[in-house]
Amino acid sequence: MQNKSIILISSINAIRNYGLPAYSAAKSGMYGLVKSLCSELGSDKIRINSISPGTIVTSATELEPKNFDDLLKGTAIGKFATKEEIAKTVKFIIEIEGITGQNFIVDAGQSSI
């Protein structure tokens, strides 16, 4: 099988409300799209998945008005996921041909607390 994969980047806002209802609805809709397209694309041997990252600290997000100390307290393991971890998740999804129709939450437990 030729490995064809679509990966959508969503957000933990799809799983937990952080006061942005329209944004959360849009991100939740992405997972609905993944579930809806899974069978249709599967007949053409195309896999589709999504990743829902938590807070990722980058030079761009540091410019946003966020209280990173409070957000960090809201993680289960006392750290944020990193952009490198998101990249590793993408690689994992691409490499494992039996994965389709899934949403991978990479948020260091933010959506669990």
N, C-alpha and C. Protein backbone atom coordinates (compact mmCIF):
# COMPACT_ATOMS: atom_id res chain seq x y z
N MET A 1 0.85 -1.18 0.00
CA MET A 1 0.00 0.00 0.00
C MET A 1 0.89 1.24 0.00
N GLN A 2 0.55 2.19 -0.84
CA GLN A 2 1.25 3.46 -0.80
C GLN A 2 0.72 4.24 0.40
N ASN A 3 1.62 4.78 1.19
CA ASN A 3 1.25 5.45 2.44
C ASN A 3 0.77 6.87 2.15
N LYS A 4 -0.55 7.07 2.14
CA LYS A 4 -1.14 8.39 1.95
C LYS A 4 -1.82 8.79 3.25
N SER A 5 -1.46 9.96 3.76
CA SER A 5 -1.97 10.37 5.05
C SER A 5 -2.25 11.87 5.08
N ILE A 6 -3.40 12.21 5.65
CA ILE A 6 -3.76 13.60 5.90
C ILE A 6 -3.78 13.78 7.41
N ILE A 7 -3.11 14.81 7.90
CA ILE A 7 -3.11 15.09 9.34
C ILE A 7 -3.54 16.54 9.54
N LEU A 8 -4.63 16.73 10.25
CA LEU A 8 -5.13 18.06 10.57
C LEU A 8 -4.63 18.45 11.96
N ILE A 9 -4.27 19.70 12.13
CA ILE A 9 -3.84 20.18 13.44
C ILE A 9 -5.01 20.93 14.07
N SER A 10 -5.49 20.39 15.16
CA SER A 10 -6.61 20.96 15.89
C SER A 10 -6.07 21.67 17.13
N SER A 11 -6.68 21.46 18.27
CA SER A 11 -6.28 22.13 19.51
C SER A 11 -7.00 21.45 20.67
N ILE A 12 -6.43 21.58 21.87
CA ILE A 12 -7.16 21.06 23.02
C ILE A 12 -8.44 21.86 23.27
N ASN A 13 -8.57 23.01 22.61
CA ASN A 13 -9.84 23.75 22.70
C ASN A 13 -10.99 22.93 22.13
N ALA A 14 -10.69 21.93 21.32
CA ALA A 14 -11.72 21.04 20.80
C ALA A 14 -12.27 20.13 21.90
N ILE A 15 -11.48 19.92 22.94
CA ILE A 15 -11.82 18.98 23.99
C ILE A 15 -12.31 19.67 25.25
N ARG A 16 -11.76 20.85 25.49
CA ARG A 16 -12.06 21.57 26.73
C ARG A 16 -12.24 23.05 26.41
N ASN A 17 -13.26 23.66 27.00
CA ASN A 17 -13.55 25.07 26.74
C ASN A 17 -12.61 25.97 27.54
N TYR A 18 -11.94 26.85 26.81
CA TYR A 18 -11.07 27.84 27.45
C TYR A 18 -11.59 29.25 27.20
N GLY A 19 -12.90 29.40 27.05
CA GLY A 19 -13.50 30.71 26.90
C GLY A 19 -13.52 31.25 25.48
N LEU A 20 -13.32 30.40 24.51
CA LEU A 20 -13.36 30.81 23.10
C LEU A 20 -14.33 29.90 22.35
N PRO A 21 -15.63 30.07 22.55
CA PRO A 21 -16.59 29.10 22.03
C PRO A 21 -16.55 28.91 20.51
N ALA A 22 -16.41 29.97 19.74
CA ALA A 22 -16.38 29.82 18.28
C ALA A 22 -15.12 29.06 17.85
N TYR A 23 -13.99 29.39 18.45
CA TYR A 23 -12.74 28.70 18.14
C TYR A 23 -12.84 27.22 18.54
N SER A 24 -13.38 26.96 19.73
CA SER A 24 -13.54 25.58 20.19
C SER A 24 -14.45 24.79 19.27
N ALA A 25 -15.53 25.41 18.81
CA ALA A 25 -16.45 24.73 17.90
C ALA A 25 -15.76 24.39 16.58
N ALA A 26 -14.96 25.32 16.07
CA ALA A 26 -14.24 25.07 14.82
C ALA A 26 -13.25 23.92 14.98
N LYS A 27 -12.54 23.90 16.10
CA LYS A 27 -11.56 22.84 16.33
C LYS A 27 -12.25 21.50 16.57
N SER A 28 -13.38 21.50 17.24
CA SER A 28 -14.16 20.27 17.41
C SER A 28 -14.66 19.75 16.07
N GLY A 29 -15.02 20.68 15.20
CA GLY A 29 -15.48 20.32 13.87
C GLY A 29 -14.43 19.59 13.06
N MET A 30 -13.16 19.92 13.32
CA MET A 30 -12.07 19.22 12.62
C MET A 30 -12.10 17.73 12.92
N TYR A 31 -12.31 17.39 14.20
CA TYR A 31 -12.35 15.98 14.55
C TYR A 31 -13.58 15.31 13.94
N GLY A 32 -14.70 16.04 13.90
CA GLY A 32 -15.88 15.51 13.22
C GLY A 32 -15.61 15.25 11.75
N LEU A 33 -14.84 16.14 11.12
CA LEU A 33 -14.46 15.95 9.72
C LEU A 33 -13.59 14.70 9.56
N VAL A 34 -12.64 14.52 10.48
CA VAL A 34 -11.77 13.33 10.45
C VAL A 34 -12.63 12.07 10.52
N LYS A 35 -13.55 12.03 11.47
CA LYS A 35 -14.40 10.83 11.62
C LYS A 35 -15.27 10.62 10.38
N SER A 36 -15.79 11.71 9.82
CA SER A 36 -16.68 11.60 8.66
C SER A 36 -15.94 11.16 7.41
N LEU A 37 -14.72 11.65 7.23
CA LEU A 37 -13.97 11.34 6.01
C LEU A 37 -13.19 10.03 6.09
N CYS A 38 -13.06 9.48 7.27
CA CYS A 38 -12.26 8.27 7.46
C CYS A 38 -12.68 7.15 6.50
N SER A 39 -13.96 6.84 6.45
CA SER A 39 -14.45 5.75 5.58
C SER A 39 -14.35 6.13 4.11
N GLU A 40 -14.74 7.35 3.80
CA GLU A 40 -14.73 7.76 2.40
C GLU A 40 -13.32 7.76 1.83
N LEU A 41 -12.37 8.32 2.55
CA LEU A 41 -11.00 8.35 2.07
C LEU A 41 -10.34 6.98 2.15
N GLY A 42 -10.77 6.20 3.12
CA GLY A 42 -10.21 4.86 3.30
C GLY A 42 -10.38 3.98 2.08
N SER A 43 -11.48 4.15 1.36
CA SER A 43 -11.70 3.35 0.15
C SER A 43 -10.65 3.65 -0.92
N ASP A 44 -10.01 4.82 -0.82
CA ASP A 44 -8.91 5.17 -1.73
C ASP A 44 -7.55 4.99 -1.05
N LYS A 45 -7.56 4.27 0.08
CA LYS A 45 -6.32 3.99 0.84
C LYS A 45 -5.65 5.27 1.35
N ILE A 46 -6.47 6.26 1.70
CA ILE A 46 -5.97 7.50 2.29
C ILE A 46 -6.41 7.53 3.75
N ARG A 47 -5.47 7.74 4.63
CA ARG A 47 -5.78 7.83 6.06
C ARG A 47 -5.91 9.30 6.46
N ILE A 48 -6.75 9.57 7.46
CA ILE A 48 -6.91 10.92 7.96
C ILE A 48 -6.97 10.89 9.48
N ASN A 49 -6.22 11.76 10.11
CA ASN A 49 -6.15 11.86 11.56
C ASN A 49 -6.00 13.32 11.94
N SER A 50 -6.11 13.60 13.23
CA SER A 50 -5.86 14.95 13.71
C SER A 50 -5.01 14.89 14.97
N ILE A 51 -4.36 16.00 15.24
CA ILE A 51 -3.58 16.17 16.46
C ILE A 51 -4.13 17.39 17.17
N SER A 52 -4.36 17.25 18.48
CA SER A 52 -4.84 18.36 19.30
C SER A 52 -3.76 18.73 20.31
N PRO A 53 -2.91 19.68 19.95
CA PRO A 53 -1.87 20.09 20.90
C PRO A 53 -2.43 20.98 22.00
N GLY A 54 -1.74 20.95 23.13
CA GLY A 54 -2.02 21.90 24.19
C GLY A 54 -1.20 23.16 23.94
N THR A 55 -0.94 23.88 25.00
CA THR A 55 -0.12 25.08 24.89
C THR A 55 1.29 24.69 24.45
N ILE A 56 1.75 25.34 23.40
CA ILE A 56 3.11 25.13 22.90
C ILE A 56 3.81 26.49 22.98
N VAL A 57 4.89 26.55 23.72
CA VAL A 57 5.62 27.81 23.85
C VAL A 57 6.59 27.94 22.68
N THR A 58 6.37 28.98 21.89
CA THR A 58 7.25 29.31 20.77
C THR A 58 7.47 30.82 20.80
N SER A 59 8.33 31.31 19.97
CA SER A 59 8.54 32.76 19.92
C SER A 59 7.25 33.48 19.54
N ALA A 60 6.42 32.85 18.72
CA ALA A 60 5.14 33.46 18.33
C ALA A 60 4.13 33.45 19.48
N THR A 61 3.99 32.31 20.18
CA THR A 61 3.00 32.26 21.26
C THR A 61 3.42 33.09 22.46
N GLU A 62 4.71 33.31 22.62
CA GLU A 62 5.16 34.16 23.73
C GLU A 62 4.73 35.62 23.55
N LEU A 63 4.40 36.00 22.33
CA LEU A 63 3.93 37.36 22.06
C LEU A 63 2.45 37.53 22.36
N GLU A 64 1.74 36.41 22.54
CA GLU A 64 0.30 36.46 22.82
C GLU A 64 0.06 36.77 24.29
N PRO A 65 -1.07 37.39 24.60
CA PRO A 65 -1.37 37.72 26.00
C PRO A 65 -1.85 36.49 26.77
N LYS A 66 -0.90 35.69 27.26
CA LYS A 66 -1.22 34.48 28.03
C LYS A 66 -0.42 34.50 29.32
N ASN A 67 -0.99 33.90 30.35
CA ASN A 67 -0.26 33.72 31.58
C ASN A 67 0.30 32.29 31.57
N PHE A 68 1.52 32.15 31.06
CA PHE A 68 2.11 30.82 30.91
C PHE A 68 2.31 30.12 32.25
N ASP A 69 2.56 30.88 33.32
CA ASP A 69 2.72 30.25 34.64
C ASP A 69 1.43 29.57 35.08
N ASP A 70 0.30 30.23 34.91
CA ASP A 70 -0.98 29.62 35.26
C ASP A 70 -1.30 28.43 34.35
N LEU A 71 -1.01 28.57 33.07
CA LEU A 71 -1.26 27.46 32.14
C LEU A 71 -0.39 26.25 32.49
N LEU A 72 0.83 26.50 32.89
CA LEU A 72 1.73 25.41 33.27
C LEU A 72 1.21 24.66 34.50
N LYS A 73 0.61 25.39 35.44
CA LYS A 73 0.02 24.76 36.62
C LYS A 73 -1.15 23.85 36.23
N GLY A 74 -1.72 24.09 35.05
CA GLY A 74 -2.85 23.30 34.58
C GLY A 74 -2.45 22.07 33.78
N THR A 75 -1.18 21.72 33.80
CA THR A 75 -0.74 20.49 33.13
C THR A 75 -0.59 19.39 34.18
N ALA A 76 -0.82 18.18 33.78
CA ALA A 76 -0.73 17.06 34.72
C ALA A 76 0.71 16.72 35.08
N ILE A 77 1.66 17.00 34.18
CA ILE A 77 3.04 16.58 34.42
C ILE A 77 4.01 17.75 34.58
N GLY A 78 3.46 18.97 34.74
CA GLY A 78 4.30 20.12 35.05
C GLY A 78 5.18 20.61 33.92
N LYS A 79 4.76 20.35 32.68
CA LYS A 79 5.49 20.84 31.50
C LYS A 79 4.51 20.99 30.36
N PHE A 80 4.89 21.78 29.38
CA PHE A 80 4.11 21.88 28.16
C PHE A 80 4.66 20.87 27.15
N ALA A 81 3.81 20.45 26.24
CA ALA A 81 4.30 19.69 25.10
C ALA A 81 5.15 20.64 24.25
N THR A 82 6.02 20.09 23.45
CA THR A 82 6.90 20.91 22.64
C THR A 82 6.58 20.73 21.15
N LYS A 83 7.05 21.67 20.35
CA LYS A 83 6.84 21.54 18.91
C LYS A 83 7.54 20.29 18.39
N GLU A 84 8.64 19.90 19.03
CA GLU A 84 9.34 18.67 18.63
C GLU A 84 8.48 17.44 18.91
N GLU A 85 7.74 17.47 20.01
CA GLU A 85 6.84 16.35 20.34
C GLU A 85 5.68 16.27 19.34
N ILE A 86 5.21 17.42 18.91
CA ILE A 86 4.15 17.43 17.89
C ILE A 86 4.70 16.83 16.60
N ALA A 87 5.92 17.22 16.22
CA ALA A 87 6.55 16.67 15.01
C ALA A 87 6.73 15.16 15.12
N LYS A 88 7.12 14.66 16.30
CA LYS A 88 7.27 13.22 16.49
C LYS A 88 5.92 12.51 16.37
N THR A 89 4.85 13.18 16.83
CA THR A 89 3.51 12.60 16.72
C THR A 89 3.10 12.50 15.25
N VAL A 90 3.40 13.54 14.48
CA VAL A 90 3.12 13.51 13.04
C VAL A 90 3.87 12.34 12.40
N LYS A 91 5.13 12.20 12.73
CA LYS A 91 5.94 11.12 12.17
C LYS A 91 5.35 9.75 12.53
N PHE A 92 4.97 9.58 13.78
CA PHE A 92 4.37 8.33 14.24
C PHE A 92 3.11 8.00 13.44
N ILE A 93 2.23 8.99 13.29
CA ILE A 93 0.98 8.76 12.57
C ILE A 93 1.26 8.38 11.12
N ILE A 94 2.23 9.05 10.51
CA ILE A 94 2.56 8.75 9.11
C ILE A 94 3.12 7.34 8.97
N GLU A 95 3.97 6.94 9.91
CA GLU A 95 4.66 5.65 9.80
C GLU A 95 3.76 4.45 10.06
N ILE A 96 2.78 4.59 10.93
CA ILE A 96 1.92 3.46 11.30
C ILE A 96 0.69 3.46 10.39
N GLU A 97 0.69 2.59 9.40
CA GLU A 97 -0.36 2.60 8.39
C GLU A 97 -1.71 2.12 8.89
N GLY A 98 -1.77 1.59 10.09
CA GLY A 98 -3.04 1.12 10.63
C GLY A 98 -3.80 2.18 11.42
N ILE A 99 -3.31 3.40 11.41
CA ILE A 99 -3.97 4.47 12.18
C ILE A 99 -4.75 5.37 11.23
N THR A 100 -6.06 5.45 11.47
CA THR A 100 -6.91 6.39 10.73
C THR A 100 -8.14 6.71 11.56
N GLY A 101 -8.67 7.91 11.37
CA GLY A 101 -9.88 8.33 12.07
C GLY A 101 -9.67 8.68 13.53
N GLN A 102 -8.44 9.02 13.91
CA GLN A 102 -8.12 9.26 15.32
C GLN A 102 -7.72 10.71 15.57
N ASN A 103 -7.87 11.12 16.81
CA ASN A 103 -7.40 12.43 17.27
C ASN A 103 -6.38 12.18 18.37
N PHE A 104 -5.18 12.67 18.17
CA PHE A 104 -4.11 12.49 19.13
C PHE A 104 -3.97 13.75 19.97
N ILE A 105 -4.18 13.61 21.28
CA ILE A 105 -4.08 14.74 22.19
C ILE A 105 -2.67 14.76 22.75
N VAL A 106 -1.94 15.82 22.46
CA VAL A 106 -0.57 15.99 22.91
C VAL A 106 -0.54 17.29 23.72
N ASP A 107 -0.89 17.18 25.00
CA ASP A 107 -1.07 18.40 25.80
C ASP A 107 -0.50 18.33 27.21
N ALA A 108 0.35 17.33 27.48
CA ALA A 108 0.94 17.17 28.82
C ALA A 108 -0.13 17.11 29.91
N GLY A 109 -1.31 16.67 29.55
CA GLY A 109 -2.39 16.51 30.52
C GLY A 109 -3.21 17.76 30.78
N GLN A 110 -3.06 18.80 29.96
CA GLN A 110 -3.84 20.02 30.18
C GLN A 110 -5.34 19.77 30.12
N SER A 111 -5.78 18.96 29.20
CA SER A 111 -7.22 18.74 29.05
C SER A 111 -7.76 17.73 30.07
N SER A 112 -6.88 17.16 30.89
CA SER A 112 -7.30 16.17 31.88
C SER A 112 -7.53 16.76 33.26
N ILE A 113 -7.06 17.99 33.45
CA ILE A 113 -7.16 18.60 34.78
C ILE A 113 -8.33 19.55 34.84
